[in-house]
Amino acid sequence: MQTETVDFESIKQRQRTAWGTGDYPRVGNTLQIIAERLVEAAGVRAGQRVLDVASGQGNAALAAARRFAESTGVDYVPDMLDQGRARAAAEYLDVTFTEGDAERLPAPDDSFDVTLSTIGVMFAPDQERAAGELVRVTRPGGTIGLANWTPQGLVGQLFGTIGRYAPPPAGVRSPMLWGTEERLAELFGDTVEWVSLTRRTFDFCYLSPEHFSEWFRLYYGPITRLAGSLDDATAARLAADLADVPRPFNRAEDGTVLAGGEYLEAIGVRR
């Protein structure tokens, strides 16, 4: 259970540094289909005010803009927002990208018809506060749509591997809990009626398990930062352990990776 002594601001500052290391959008761009599915499941329509929380390079914000929604992405890593703006410009999409904290969203109450987050808000260290902010900025009767990795899935195992080398901060709940129906019920209580809770699979496609390991070490900020802090022997062990992560999930028989990563797609109505 979280205690009042947890320094969430310091944790978030370390997170910002980690996410700003490497080049996360190279990983995040591969996840675009998750956002497309979420926007469709949330029923985003033309003219709606849509917020993508912890947007990174803007997967859900761009998906909403393709439906002619009035789309905004919010994230606390400026470089990711810059890449989102570049993507929007390249695709001739009208998206506003704003720097902001998922635990303190820069928007008035009841501002949005639809509030979304794909693999984003789940990483906010103060989970209760982040959930409260999603509710606050969504109008009554509006939609909240989330896509969160599950604890037992591939990414849950990936973070378990990371945790053996760099234990998570004391007092902070695992972000993977957002991928469980039980935790969503705890976080949102009676403020959201969940009308759809669906376990879906995203296929991680890489040239080999070693390529998966290399890609995440090069570009996935928290892993890039961790790998850079290790001595050569420990870094080699980390590389091998990361290559092992997709193997139990891999369906490919030709040496490549086609590994399903489970996530929970949650669609709810704000009461």
Protein backbone atom coordinates (compact mmCIF):
# COMPACT_ATOMS: atom_id res chain seq x y z
CA MET A 1 0.00 0.00 0.00
CA GLN A 2 1.29 3.47 -0.87
CA THR A 3 2.32 5.76 1.97
CA GLU A 4 2.35 9.54 2.24
CA THR A 5 6.16 9.51 2.39
CA VAL A 6 6.57 8.48 -1.26
CA ASP A 7 8.25 11.34 -3.14
CA PHE A 8 6.28 11.15 -6.38
CA GLU A 9 7.82 14.32 -7.80
CA SER A 10 11.36 12.93 -7.55
CA ILE A 11 10.21 9.67 -9.10
CA LYS A 12 8.60 11.55 -11.99
CA GLN A 13 11.76 13.56 -12.56
CA ARG A 14 13.75 10.35 -12.86
CA GLN A 15 11.09 8.98 -15.18
CA ARG A 16 11.31 12.04 -17.43
CA THR A 17 15.06 11.57 -17.69
CA ALA A 18 14.66 7.88 -18.46
CA TRP A 19 11.93 8.35 -21.11
CA GLY A 20 14.02 11.11 -22.68
CA THR A 21 16.96 8.71 -23.07
CA GLY A 22 17.24 6.56 -26.17
CA ASP A 23 14.56 7.29 -28.78
CA TYR A 24 11.27 5.92 -27.48
CA PRO A 25 9.16 6.84 -30.54
CA ARG A 26 11.06 4.18 -32.52
CA VAL A 27 9.43 1.67 -30.16
CA GLY A 28 6.18 3.57 -29.70
CA ASN A 29 5.52 3.96 -33.40
CA THR A 30 5.34 0.17 -33.72
CA LEU A 31 2.39 0.21 -31.30
CA GLN A 32 0.19 2.45 -33.48
CA ILE A 33 -2.40 -0.27 -34.12
CA ILE A 34 -3.23 -0.36 -30.39
CA ALA A 35 -4.28 3.28 -30.59
CA GLU A 36 -6.30 2.74 -33.76
CA ARG A 37 -8.19 -0.10 -32.09
CA LEU A 38 -8.78 1.97 -28.95
CA VAL A 39 -10.10 4.99 -30.84
CA GLU A 40 -12.48 2.75 -32.74
CA ALA A 41 -13.62 0.96 -29.57
CA ALA A 42 -14.18 4.31 -27.83
CA GLY A 43 -16.40 5.42 -30.72
CA VAL A 44 -14.47 8.61 -31.42
CA ARG A 45 -16.41 10.77 -33.89
CA ALA A 46 -15.78 13.89 -35.94
CA GLY A 47 -15.96 17.10 -33.93
CA GLN A 48 -15.48 15.50 -30.51
CA ARG A 49 -12.94 16.95 -28.10
CA VAL A 50 -10.41 14.17 -27.50
CA LEU A 51 -7.46 14.09 -25.10
CA ASP A 52 -4.57 11.61 -25.38
CA VAL A 53 -2.95 11.43 -21.90
CA ALA A 54 0.74 10.52 -21.60
CA SER A 55 0.61 10.66 -25.38
CA GLY A 56 4.30 10.19 -26.11
CA GLN A 57 4.66 10.72 -29.84
CA GLY A 58 0.90 10.91 -30.21
CA ASN A 59 -0.41 7.52 -31.34
CA ALA A 60 -3.95 8.00 -30.01
CA ALA A 61 -4.03 11.73 -30.73
CA LEU A 62 -3.18 11.06 -34.38
CA ALA A 63 -5.71 8.22 -34.59
CA ALA A 64 -8.44 10.53 -33.26
CA ALA A 65 -7.45 13.31 -35.66
CA ARG A 66 -7.87 10.90 -38.58
CA ARG A 67 -11.54 10.81 -37.58
CA PHE A 68 -11.64 14.63 -37.63
CA ALA A 69 -11.85 14.90 -33.86
CA GLU A 70 -10.53 18.00 -32.10
CA SER A 71 -7.45 16.18 -30.83
CA THR A 72 -4.94 17.07 -28.11
CA GLY A 73 -1.94 15.11 -26.84
CA VAL A 74 -0.38 15.74 -23.42
CA ASP A 75 2.99 14.42 -22.25
CA TYR A 76 5.78 15.53 -19.93
CA VAL A 77 8.68 14.68 -22.30
CA PRO A 78 9.22 17.61 -24.71
CA ASP A 79 11.18 15.59 -27.29
CA MET A 80 8.29 13.15 -27.67
CA LEU A 81 5.88 16.04 -28.19
CA ASP A 82 8.17 17.44 -30.89
CA GLN A 83 8.09 14.10 -32.68
CA GLY A 84 4.31 14.04 -32.37
CA ARG A 85 4.11 17.46 -33.99
CA ALA A 86 6.38 16.28 -36.81
CA ARG A 87 4.23 13.20 -37.37
CA ALA A 88 1.05 15.29 -37.44
CA ALA A 89 2.58 17.70 -39.92
CA ALA A 90 3.78 14.86 -42.16
CA GLU A 91 0.27 13.36 -42.21
CA TYR A 92 -1.52 16.73 -42.57
CA LEU A 93 -3.38 16.16 -39.32
CA ASP A 94 -4.57 18.90 -36.98
CA VAL A 95 -3.37 17.93 -33.49
CA THR A 96 -2.41 20.11 -30.53
CA PHE A 97 0.49 18.82 -28.43
CA THR A 98 0.88 20.29 -24.94
CA GLU A 99 3.48 19.66 -22.26
CA GLY A 100 1.83 18.43 -19.09
CA ASP A 101 1.78 15.89 -16.27
CA ALA A 102 -0.77 13.07 -16.22
CA GLU A 103 -1.15 13.67 -12.49
CA ARG A 104 -1.87 17.37 -13.03
CA LEU A 105 -3.45 17.75 -16.44
CA PRO A 106 -3.39 21.26 -17.93
CA ALA A 107 -7.12 21.36 -18.66
CA PRO A 108 -10.28 22.58 -16.89
CA ASP A 109 -12.87 20.22 -15.46
CA ASP A 110 -15.20 18.48 -17.93
CA SER A 111 -13.14 19.63 -20.95
CA PHE A 112 -13.22 16.54 -23.15
CA ASP A 113 -15.79 14.23 -24.69
CA VAL A 114 -13.28 11.38 -24.85
CA THR A 115 -10.12 10.87 -22.78
CA LEU A 116 -7.70 8.17 -23.94
CA SER A 117 -4.38 6.68 -22.97
CA THR A 118 -2.48 3.95 -24.76
CA ILE A 119 0.26 2.37 -22.68
CA GLY A 120 0.85 5.78 -21.09
CA VAL A 121 -0.98 6.87 -17.97
CA MET A 122 -0.31 3.45 -16.45
CA PHE A 123 3.27 4.59 -15.78
CA ALA A 124 2.26 7.56 -13.60
CA PRO A 125 3.68 6.81 -10.13
CA ASP A 126 0.71 8.26 -8.20
CA GLN A 127 -1.93 6.02 -9.73
CA GLU A 128 -4.86 7.32 -7.71
CA ARG A 129 -4.13 10.91 -8.66
CA ALA A 130 -3.70 10.06 -12.34
CA ALA A 131 -7.01 8.18 -12.38
CA GLY A 132 -8.69 11.14 -10.70
CA GLU A 133 -7.36 13.47 -13.37
CA LEU A 134 -8.74 11.30 -16.18
CA VAL A 135 -12.15 11.56 -14.57
CA ARG A 136 -11.86 15.28 -13.80
CA VAL A 137 -11.17 16.40 -17.37
CA THR A 138 -13.82 14.13 -18.94
CA ARG A 139 -17.34 15.52 -19.10
CA PRO A 140 -20.13 13.58 -17.36
CA GLY A 141 -21.37 11.00 -19.85
CA GLY A 142 -18.09 11.19 -21.74
CA THR A 143 -15.87 8.24 -22.54
CA ILE A 144 -12.62 7.09 -20.96
CA GLY A 145 -10.64 4.59 -23.04
CA LEU A 146 -7.47 2.87 -21.84
CA ALA A 147 -5.06 0.31 -23.25
CA ASN A 148 -2.75 -1.11 -20.56
CA TRP A 149 -0.29 -4.00 -20.57
CA THR A 150 -1.25 -6.91 -18.30
CA PRO A 151 1.01 -8.29 -15.53
CA GLN A 152 1.18 -11.79 -17.02
CA GLY A 153 1.80 -10.67 -20.60
CA LEU A 154 5.04 -10.16 -22.49
CA VAL A 155 5.57 -6.59 -21.32
CA GLY A 156 4.80 -7.60 -17.74
CA GLN A 157 7.60 -10.14 -18.07
CA LEU A 158 9.82 -7.50 -19.67
CA PHE A 159 9.41 -5.23 -16.65
CA GLY A 160 10.00 -8.17 -14.33
CA THR A 161 13.35 -8.64 -16.07
CA ILE A 162 14.18 -4.94 -15.71
CA GLY A 163 13.28 -5.13 -12.02
CA ARG A 164 15.96 -7.76 -11.39
CA TYR A 165 18.59 -5.20 -12.40
CA ALA A 166 16.91 -2.02 -11.17
CA PRO A 167 14.22 -2.55 -8.51
CA PRO A 168 11.25 -0.16 -8.79
CA PRO A 169 10.89 2.69 -6.27
CA ALA A 170 9.59 1.67 -2.88
CA GLY A 171 5.94 2.44 -2.26
CA VAL A 172 4.93 2.63 -5.93
CA ARG A 173 2.44 0.10 -7.29
CA SER A 174 3.35 -1.78 -10.45
CA PRO A 175 2.11 -0.01 -13.59
CA MET A 176 1.05 -3.42 -14.91
CA LEU A 177 -1.80 -3.46 -12.38
CA TRP A 178 -3.64 -1.01 -14.65
CA GLY A 179 -4.02 -4.02 -16.93
CA THR A 180 -6.32 -5.77 -14.43
CA GLU A 181 -10.04 -5.32 -13.92
CA GLU A 182 -9.54 -5.35 -10.15
CA ARG A 183 -7.14 -2.41 -10.12
CA LEU A 184 -9.34 -0.34 -12.42
CA ALA A 185 -12.22 -0.91 -10.01
CA GLU A 186 -10.02 0.28 -7.12
CA LEU A 187 -8.76 3.33 -8.97
CA PHE A 188 -12.04 4.58 -10.43
CA GLY A 189 -14.66 3.25 -8.01
CA ASP A 190 -18.12 4.46 -8.97
CA THR A 191 -16.85 7.42 -11.04
CA VAL A 192 -16.66 5.29 -14.21
CA GLU A 193 -18.98 2.59 -15.51
CA TRP A 194 -16.83 0.15 -17.48
CA VAL A 195 -18.94 -0.95 -20.43
CA SER A 196 -16.23 -3.02 -22.12
CA LEU A 197 -13.16 -4.78 -20.68
CA THR A 198 -11.43 -6.77 -23.40
CA ARG A 199 -8.12 -8.59 -23.37
CA ARG A 200 -6.37 -8.07 -26.67
CA THR A 201 -3.02 -9.05 -28.14
CA PHE A 202 -0.42 -6.93 -29.88
CA ASP A 203 2.11 -8.82 -31.98
CA PHE A 204 5.74 -7.87 -31.36
CA CYS A 205 7.56 -8.51 -34.65
CA TYR A 206 11.36 -8.54 -34.67
CA LEU A 207 14.07 -10.17 -36.75
CA SER A 208 15.16 -12.38 -33.85
CA PRO A 209 15.04 -12.47 -30.03
CA GLU A 210 18.47 -10.78 -30.08
CA HIS A 211 17.08 -8.04 -32.33
CA PHE A 212 14.23 -7.52 -29.83
CA SER A 213 16.82 -7.15 -27.06
CA GLU A 214 18.99 -4.78 -29.09
CA TRP A 215 16.06 -2.59 -30.16
CA PHE A 216 14.85 -2.10 -26.60
CA ARG A 217 18.35 -1.46 -25.29
CA LEU A 218 18.98 1.14 -27.98
CA TYR A 219 15.67 2.98 -27.97
CA TYR A 220 13.44 2.18 -24.97
CA GLY A 221 14.51 4.93 -22.59
CA PRO A 222 14.30 3.15 -19.22
CA ILE A 223 16.21 0.14 -20.60
CA THR A 224 18.68 2.34 -22.52
CA ARG A 225 19.46 4.23 -19.33
CA LEU A 226 19.75 1.04 -17.29
CA ALA A 227 22.04 -0.68 -19.82
CA GLY A 228 24.32 2.35 -19.89
CA SER A 229 24.79 2.19 -16.12
CA LEU A 230 26.00 -1.44 -16.02
CA ASP A 231 29.48 -2.92 -16.29
CA ASP A 232 30.21 -4.95 -19.41
CA ALA A 233 29.54 -8.36 -17.87
CA THR A 234 26.24 -7.29 -16.30
CA ALA A 235 25.17 -5.51 -19.47
CA ALA A 236 25.79 -8.73 -21.42
CA ARG A 237 23.61 -10.67 -18.96
CA LEU A 238 20.86 -8.06 -19.33
CA ALA A 239 21.07 -8.36 -23.12
CA ALA A 240 20.68 -12.14 -22.92
CA ASP A 241 17.83 -11.92 -20.41
CA LEU A 242 15.95 -9.44 -22.61
CA ALA A 243 16.35 -11.76 -25.58
CA ASP A 244 14.68 -14.47 -23.49
CA VAL A 245 11.58 -12.34 -22.80
CA PRO A 246 9.73 -12.95 -26.10
CA ARG A 247 10.69 -16.60 -26.43
CA PRO A 248 7.81 -18.11 -24.37
CA PHE A 249 5.31 -16.04 -26.39
CA ASN A 250 6.89 -16.56 -29.80
CA ARG A 251 4.83 -18.25 -32.53
CA ALA A 252 7.39 -17.88 -35.30
CA GLU A 253 9.27 -20.96 -36.42
CA ASP A 254 11.82 -19.29 -38.70
CA GLY A 255 14.07 -17.62 -36.13
CA THR A 256 12.16 -14.33 -36.15
CA VAL A 257 9.88 -13.02 -33.40
CA LEU A 258 6.09 -13.02 -33.68
CA ALA A 259 5.18 -12.77 -30.03
CA GLY A 260 1.82 -11.78 -28.61
CA GLY A 261 1.80 -9.09 -25.93
CA GLU A 262 -1.44 -9.05 -23.95
CA TYR A 263 -3.11 -5.80 -22.98
CA LEU A 264 -6.44 -4.80 -21.45
CA GLU A 265 -8.62 -2.49 -23.53
CA ALA A 266 -11.01 -0.71 -21.17
CA ILE A 267 -13.89 1.52 -22.32
CA GLY A 268 -15.91 3.33 -19.70
CA VAL A 269 -18.48 6.11 -19.28
CA ARG A 270 -17.77 8.87 -16.78
CA ARG A 271 -20.61 9.15 -14.29
